[in-house]
Protein backbone atom coordinates (compact mmCIF):
# COMPACT_ATOMS: atom_id res chain seq x y z
CA MET A 1 91.17 80.87 98.11
CA THR A 2 92.24 79.00 101.26
CA LYS A 3 95.60 79.39 102.97
CA GLN A 4 96.46 75.76 102.05
CA ASN A 5 95.74 76.35 98.37
CA THR A 6 97.83 79.53 98.42
CA GLN A 7 100.79 77.68 99.94
CA GLU A 8 100.57 74.88 97.37
CA GLN A 9 100.33 77.26 94.42
CA GLY A 10 103.23 79.35 95.75
CA LEU A 11 105.49 76.28 95.66
CA ASP A 12 104.51 75.19 92.14
CA GLY A 13 107.66 74.92 90.04
CA TYR A 14 109.90 75.86 92.96
CA SER A 15 111.55 72.42 93.16
CA GLU A 16 112.56 72.59 89.49
CA LEU A 17 113.92 76.11 90.00
CA VAL A 18 116.05 75.00 92.97
CA SER A 19 117.39 72.00 91.08
CA GLU A 20 118.41 74.09 88.09
CA VAL A 21 120.06 76.82 90.17
CA ALA A 22 121.96 74.22 92.24
CA ARG A 23 123.13 72.43 89.08
CA THR A 24 124.17 75.50 87.06
CA GLY A 25 125.06 77.98 89.78
CA ARG A 26 123.22 80.76 87.95
CA ARG A 27 121.38 83.64 89.66
CA LEU A 28 117.62 84.02 89.60
CA THR A 29 116.21 86.00 86.69
CA ARG A 30 114.17 89.14 87.23
CA ASP A 31 110.94 87.27 86.40
CA GLU A 32 111.81 84.54 88.91
CA VAL A 33 112.46 87.13 91.65
CA ASP A 34 109.18 88.87 90.78
CA SER A 35 107.35 85.57 91.02
CA ARG A 36 108.65 85.07 94.58
CA ARG A 37 107.46 88.59 95.46
CA ALA A 38 104.03 87.71 94.13
CA VAL A 39 104.02 84.52 96.19
CA GLY A 40 104.88 86.54 99.31
CA GLU A 41 102.07 89.00 98.64
CA ALA A 42 99.58 86.17 98.09
CA ALA A 43 100.70 84.44 101.29
CA ALA A 44 100.20 87.64 103.29
CA ALA A 45 96.76 88.20 101.74
CA ALA A 46 95.76 84.64 102.63
CA GLY A 47 96.84 85.12 106.24
CA GLN A 48 99.99 82.95 106.12
CA SER A 49 102.77 84.11 108.42
CA LEU A 50 106.17 85.13 107.05
CA ARG A 51 107.78 82.43 109.20
CA SER A 52 105.59 79.73 107.67
CA ALA A 53 106.16 80.92 104.10
CA ILE A 54 109.95 80.95 104.52
CA ARG A 55 109.99 77.56 106.23
CA ASP A 56 107.98 76.03 103.38
CA HIS A 57 110.53 77.29 100.87
CA VAL A 58 113.53 76.06 102.85
CA VAL A 59 111.95 72.61 103.34
CA LYS A 60 111.19 72.46 99.62
CA MET A 61 114.74 73.53 98.83
CA ARG A 62 116.21 70.69 100.90
CA ALA A 63 113.96 68.16 99.20
CA ALA A 64 114.83 69.44 95.71
CA TRP A 65 118.60 69.78 96.17
CA PRO A 66 120.42 67.49 93.70
CA ARG A 67 121.84 64.27 95.23
CA THR A 68 125.56 64.57 94.51
CA GLU A 69 128.68 63.43 96.34
CA ALA A 70 128.46 66.58 98.47
CA TRP A 71 124.79 65.97 99.28
CA ASP A 72 125.29 65.12 102.98
CA SER A 73 127.24 68.30 103.60
CA ALA A 74 124.75 70.47 101.70
CA ASP A 75 121.80 68.85 103.49
CA ARG A 76 123.32 69.51 106.90
CA ALA A 77 123.97 73.13 105.93
CA LEU A 78 120.42 73.55 104.67
CA ALA A 79 119.05 71.96 107.85
CA ALA A 80 120.99 74.52 109.90
CA VAL A 81 119.73 77.33 107.64
CA GLU A 82 116.18 76.07 108.17
CA GLN A 83 116.59 76.21 111.96
CA VAL A 84 118.25 79.63 111.91
CA VAL A 85 115.66 81.18 109.58
CA ASP A 86 112.80 79.69 111.61
CA ALA A 87 114.24 81.07 114.88
CA LEU A 88 114.92 84.50 113.34
CA ALA A 89 111.41 84.73 111.90
CA GLU A 90 109.84 83.62 115.19
CA GLY A 91 111.73 86.28 117.13
CA TYR A 92 110.89 88.93 114.54
CA GLU A 93 107.18 88.10 114.60
CA ARG A 94 107.13 88.04 118.41
CA ALA A 95 108.70 91.52 118.54
CA GLN A 96 106.34 92.75 115.85
CA ARG A 97 103.27 91.53 117.76
CA LEU A 98 104.54 93.25 120.91
CA ALA A 99 105.15 96.50 118.99
CA VAL A 100 101.63 96.37 117.52
CA ARG A 101 100.09 95.80 120.96
CA GLU A 102 102.12 98.67 122.44
CA GLU A 103 101.14 100.97 119.56
CA GLU A 104 97.46 100.06 119.96
CA SER A 105 97.68 100.69 123.71
CA PHE A 106 99.42 104.05 123.16
CA ARG A 107 96.85 105.08 120.55
CA ARG A 108 93.88 104.09 122.70
CA GLU A 109 95.28 105.90 125.75
CA PHE A 110 95.91 109.02 123.66
CA ILE A 111 92.39 108.98 122.17
CA ASP A 112 90.79 108.54 125.60
CA ASP A 113 92.86 111.42 127.01
CA LEU A 114 92.14 113.64 124.00
CA LEU A 115 88.37 113.12 123.89
CA HIS A 116 87.95 113.45 127.65
CA GLY A 117 90.38 116.34 128.14
CA ARG A 118 92.73 114.42 130.38
CA SER A 119 96.52 114.98 130.60
CA SER A 120 98.31 118.32 130.29
CA LEU A 121 97.79 120.32 127.11
CA GLY A 122 101.51 120.36 126.34
CA ARG A 123 101.81 116.60 126.72
CA LEU A 124 98.70 116.04 124.60
CA ALA A 125 100.07 118.29 121.85
CA GLU A 126 103.34 116.32 121.76
CA ARG A 127 101.53 112.99 121.55
CA ALA A 128 99.09 114.34 118.95
CA GLU A 129 101.90 115.08 116.47
CA ARG A 130 102.66 111.36 116.36
CA PHE A 131 99.19 110.87 114.85
CA GLY A 132 99.38 113.84 112.47
CA LEU A 133 97.30 116.26 114.57
CA ARG A 134 98.48 119.80 115.31
CA LEU A 135 96.32 120.89 118.19
CA ALA A 136 97.19 124.57 117.80
CA ARG A 137 94.85 124.54 114.80
CA GLU A 138 91.09 124.44 114.94
CA HIS A 139 89.58 120.96 114.67
CA ALA A 140 86.10 119.55 114.35
CA VAL A 141 84.85 116.11 115.31
CA ALA A 142 82.28 113.95 113.52
CA VAL A 143 80.62 111.03 115.30
CA ALA A 144 78.74 108.25 113.49
CA GLN A 145 76.30 105.98 115.27
CA GLY A 146 74.78 102.85 113.77
CA SER A 147 72.44 100.09 114.85
CA ARG A 148 75.25 98.30 116.72
CA ALA A 149 78.58 99.01 118.38
CA TYR A 150 81.78 99.12 116.31
CA SER A 151 85.43 98.56 117.22
CA GLU A 152 88.57 99.57 115.31
CA THR A 153 88.95 96.02 113.99
CA ASP A 154 85.35 95.87 112.80
CA PRO A 155 84.96 95.54 108.99
CA VAL A 156 82.74 98.64 109.02
CA ALA A 157 85.47 100.75 110.65
CA ARG A 158 88.10 99.37 108.26
CA ARG A 159 85.87 100.11 105.26
CA VAL A 160 85.47 103.74 106.31
CA ASP A 161 89.20 104.01 107.07
CA ASP A 162 90.11 102.65 103.61
CA ALA A 163 87.69 105.05 101.92
CA MET A 164 89.05 108.05 103.82
CA HIS A 165 92.72 107.29 103.23
CA GLY A 166 92.01 106.37 99.61
CA ARG A 167 90.53 109.85 99.10
CA PHE A 168 92.71 112.03 101.34
CA GLY A 169 95.91 110.01 101.86
CA GLU A 170 97.93 110.80 104.96
CA ARG A 171 96.29 114.17 105.57
CA SER A 172 95.96 115.31 109.23
CA ILE A 173 93.01 113.03 110.00
CA LEU A 174 92.49 110.77 112.99
CA LEU A 175 89.95 107.97 112.60
CA THR A 176 89.02 105.83 115.57
CA THR A 177 86.14 104.35 117.54
CA LYS A 178 84.84 105.26 120.97
CA GLU A 179 82.05 103.56 122.92
CA GLY A 180 80.86 101.76 119.80
CA ARG A 181 80.74 104.85 117.59
CA LEU A 182 82.94 105.85 114.62
CA ILE A 183 84.95 109.03 115.21
CA CYS A 184 86.72 111.36 112.77
CA ILE A 185 88.87 114.27 113.95
CA ALA A 186 89.94 116.65 111.18
CA PRO A 187 91.16 120.25 110.73
CA GLY A 188 88.21 122.59 110.98
CA ASP A 189 89.04 124.36 107.72
CA ASP A 190 89.04 121.08 105.77
CA LYS A 191 85.29 120.56 105.62
CA ASP A 192 85.49 118.10 102.71
CA VAL A 193 87.03 115.54 105.07
CA LEU A 194 84.12 115.48 107.52
CA VAL A 195 81.54 115.59 104.73
CA HIS A 196 83.18 112.58 103.07
CA PHE A 197 83.43 110.78 106.42
CA ALA A 198 79.72 111.38 107.01
CA LYS A 199 78.88 109.97 103.58
CA GLN A 200 81.06 106.89 104.01
CA ALA A 201 79.97 106.22 107.61
CA HIS A 202 76.29 106.58 106.74
CA ALA A 203 76.68 104.01 103.96
CA ALA A 204 78.93 101.61 105.90
CA THR A 205 76.62 101.55 108.93
CA ASP A 206 73.55 100.83 106.76
CA GLY A 207 71.91 104.18 107.33
CA GLY A 208 73.50 105.25 110.60
CA GLN A 209 73.36 108.87 111.68
CA VAL A 210 76.32 111.25 111.78
CA ALA A 211 76.69 114.42 113.86
CA ILE A 212 79.39 117.02 113.21
CA GLY A 213 80.50 119.31 116.02
CA ARG A 214 81.62 122.89 115.51
CA GLN A 215 85.29 123.69 114.98
CA HIS A 216 87.31 124.87 117.98
CA ALA A 217 90.99 125.51 118.68
CA GLY A 218 93.31 123.52 120.91
CA ALA A 219 93.01 120.21 122.70
CA GLY A 220 90.05 121.55 124.67
CA GLY A 221 88.41 122.44 121.37
CA VAL A 222 88.53 118.79 120.26
CA VAL A 223 86.76 117.78 123.48
CA GLN A 224 84.14 120.50 123.00
CA SER A 225 83.46 119.54 119.37
CA TYR A 226 83.23 115.85 120.33
CA GLU A 227 80.75 116.58 123.13
CA GLU A 228 78.70 118.77 120.78
CA ALA A 229 78.48 115.91 118.28
CA LEU A 230 77.40 113.47 121.03
CA SER A 231 74.80 115.93 122.32
CA THR A 232 73.46 116.37 118.80
CA LEU A 233 73.01 112.60 118.40
CA ASP A 234 71.22 112.47 121.75
CA LEU A 235 69.06 115.41 120.70
CA ALA A 236 68.20 113.68 117.42
CA ALA A 237 66.99 110.61 119.33
CA ARG A 238 64.78 112.68 121.64
CA MET A 239 63.44 115.01 118.95
CA GLY A 240 62.95 112.36 116.28
CA LEU A 241 65.39 114.09 113.90
CA ASP A 242 66.08 111.51 111.19
CA ALA A 243 68.40 113.44 108.85
CA PRO A 244 71.48 111.31 108.00
CA VAL A 245 73.88 114.17 108.82
CA LEU A 246 73.31 116.75 111.55
CA HIS A 247 75.47 119.80 112.26
CA SER A 248 75.69 120.99 115.84
CA ALA A 249 75.77 124.59 114.61
CA ASP A 250 72.25 124.13 113.22
CA GLN A 251 70.85 122.83 116.52
CA LEU A 252 72.02 125.58 118.90
CA VAL A 253 68.47 126.72 119.65
CA TYR A 254 67.76 123.50 121.58
CA PRO A 255 70.50 123.87 124.22
CA VAL A 256 69.34 127.46 124.67
CA LEU A 257 65.79 126.32 125.32
CA THR A 258 66.88 123.76 127.92
CA ARG A 259 69.56 125.86 129.61
CA ASP A 260 67.03 126.67 132.34
CA ARG A 261 65.49 123.23 132.70
CA GLN A 262 63.14 124.21 135.50
CA ALA A 263 61.71 127.13 133.51
CA MET A 264 61.14 124.85 130.53
CA ALA A 265 59.50 122.22 132.75
CA ASP A 266 57.18 124.89 134.15
CA LEU A 267 56.23 125.99 130.62
CA VAL A 268 55.49 122.41 129.53
CA THR A 269 53.40 121.73 132.63
CA SER A 270 51.50 125.00 132.32
CA ALA A 271 50.87 124.94 128.56
CA LEU A 272 50.44 121.21 127.96
CA GLY A 273 49.60 119.73 131.34
CA PRO A 274 45.81 119.93 130.72
CA LEU A 275 46.23 117.48 127.80
CA ARG A 276 46.51 114.70 130.40
CA GLU A 277 42.74 114.99 130.89
CA ALA A 278 42.07 113.82 127.32
CA ARG A 279 40.92 110.28 126.64
CA GLY A 280 44.09 108.27 126.01
CA GLY A 281 46.26 110.79 127.85
CA ALA A 282 48.42 113.59 126.51
CA GLY A 283 50.44 111.46 124.05
CA PRO A 284 48.12 111.45 120.99
CA LEU A 285 47.37 115.18 121.24
CA LEU A 286 51.04 116.00 121.73
CA ASP A 287 51.83 113.96 118.59
CA THR A 288 49.16 115.96 116.78
CA LEU A 289 50.75 119.27 117.77
CA THR A 290 54.19 117.99 116.79
CA ALA A 291 52.99 116.93 113.33
CA TYR A 292 51.04 120.18 112.89
CA PHE A 293 54.04 122.39 113.69
CA ASP A 294 56.45 120.21 111.70
CA ALA A 295 54.13 120.63 108.71
CA GLY A 296 54.28 124.42 108.98
CA CYS A 297 50.75 124.48 110.39
CA VAL A 298 49.33 123.04 107.16
CA ALA A 299 46.47 120.80 108.33
CA ALA A 300 46.31 118.59 105.23
CA GLN A 301 50.04 117.77 105.37
CA ALA A 302 49.92 117.11 109.12
CA ALA A 303 46.90 114.84 108.68
CA ARG A 304 48.73 112.77 106.05
CA SER A 305 51.75 112.33 108.31
CA LEU A 306 49.46 111.00 111.06
CA SER A 307 47.33 108.90 108.66
CA LEU A 308 44.26 110.91 109.70
CA SER A 309 41.57 112.74 107.79
CA VAL A 310 41.73 116.52 107.84
CA ARG A 311 38.44 116.49 109.75
CA ALA A 312 39.90 114.22 112.46
CA LEU A 313 42.98 116.43 112.74
CA THR A 314 40.83 119.56 113.01
CA TYR A 315 38.81 117.90 115.78
CA ARG A 316 42.01 117.16 117.70
CA LEU A 317 43.20 120.77 117.34
CA GLU A 318 39.86 121.98 118.65
CA ARG A 319 40.14 119.56 121.57
CA ILE A 320 43.61 120.96 122.35
CA HIS A 321 42.18 124.50 122.25
CA HIS A 322 39.40 123.50 124.62
CA LEU A 323 41.70 121.78 127.13
CA THR A 324 44.58 124.27 127.16
CA GLY A 325 42.82 127.51 126.35
CA THR A 326 45.34 128.19 123.58
CA ASN A 327 44.59 127.90 119.88
CA PRO A 328 47.33 126.26 117.74
CA ALA A 329 45.99 128.09 114.67
CA ASP A 330 46.27 131.51 116.34
CA PRO A 331 49.65 133.19 115.68
CA LEU A 332 49.51 134.83 119.12
CA HIS A 333 49.24 131.43 120.84
CA ARG A 334 51.32 129.41 118.40
CA TYR A 335 54.80 130.40 119.63
CA THR A 336 54.05 129.46 123.24
CA LEU A 337 52.54 126.12 122.24
CA GLN A 338 55.32 125.27 119.79
CA THR A 339 58.04 126.12 122.34
CA ALA A 340 56.25 123.96 124.91
CA VAL A 341 56.02 121.08 122.42
CA ILE A 342 59.76 121.31 121.71
CA GLY A 343 60.40 121.37 125.45
CA ALA A 344 58.21 118.30 125.95
CA ARG A 345 60.22 116.40 123.37
CA LEU A 346 63.51 117.49 124.89
CA LEU A 347 62.37 116.53 128.40
CA ASP A 348 60.65 113.33 127.24
CA TRP A 349 57.29 114.46 128.60
CA PRO A 350 54.75 112.93 129.33
CA ARG A 351 56.66 109.63 129.68
CA SER A 352 58.96 111.25 132.24
CA GLU A 353 57.60 113.23 135.13
CA LEU A 354 58.82 116.81 135.36
C-alpha cells in the first residue's frame, strides 16, 4: 500500500468524528482512541513522518469544525495549534535524526576500535557495556561472507538481525557489518547463538560461507577470534573448502604448516617442482593428487570427482611417480606428497612463484 493510500484511509471518518465531538463535547471512546493508534502504526509502517501525520489530522480538524457563531475564534485557535504542532514536530524529528546519526557514529567507532584492538582496554570495556557486551567474559566471533558486500542497512543484514533478536531477545549479542561481511559477537559459552547466526546468515546470503573463531577472554580475545574467523575464510578460498560453516578450531593444522613459510615453499618445490615438466604444466597433475588425497586414496572416487576413467587416473598417478620419484600409493611416500599438496594450495602454487 502506498503512503498516499495510507494517509487517505487514516483520515476516513475523521471529519465526522471531529464534528460530533465538537458538537457534543464528549470524550473519545476507547475504540476511537485505538483506531487513532492503529492509524499511527500504519503511517509509520508506510514511511509517513509523525509531523506529516499530525498535520493532516489538524488540517482535517479545522475543515470539519462546525460553523457556529464562535467559528472565527475557533478557526484562529486551530490555525495557531497547527503551526505550534508543526514546529514542535519538526524540532523533535530534527533532534531525533541527529541522535540517530550520533548513535550510528558512536557504534561504528566502537566496532572499529573493538575489532582492531584500538583504544585502551578500560575505555573499550566501558563502551562495550552500552552495547550489552561484558568483555571480562570469553567471547567468540562469527563472520559471514556472501557473493556481495553488505552494510548494516542492507535488507540481508536486517533479516539476520530480526531472526537473531526474535530467537534470543536482548541477550549479550552484538550484530554488525565490517568490510562487507556480517559479524556476530557473542559470549563464548553461548554456542547456540553463533550456530543460529551461521544458519541465518548462510540462508540470507544465498549460500554464503560462515567462519567461527575460537572463544577468548577480554577485548583482545574478541580481536583474536575475529582475525581467526577472517583467516579461516581466506583459508577456505585457497583450499577450496566449501562447507557452509567452518570452525577455526578445526583448521589449526593449516597455520601450523605455514608458520615457517620458507620451509613449506622448499618442500613444495622439492616434492612437486618436477611436475612442471609434464605436458600442460603442473596444474592438472596437482589437481589429480588433490582429488586422490581428498578421496582417501580411493582411485575410483577420485576419478569420478575429476570426470576421468580409473585407467586415466592411474596413468596420471604413474606419471607423477615417474616425474617426482615418489609414489602416491605408497604409505611411506604419501605423507610427504600430501603435505606438499596442502602447502601448494596454501601458497597458491604453481600460479604464484615461491
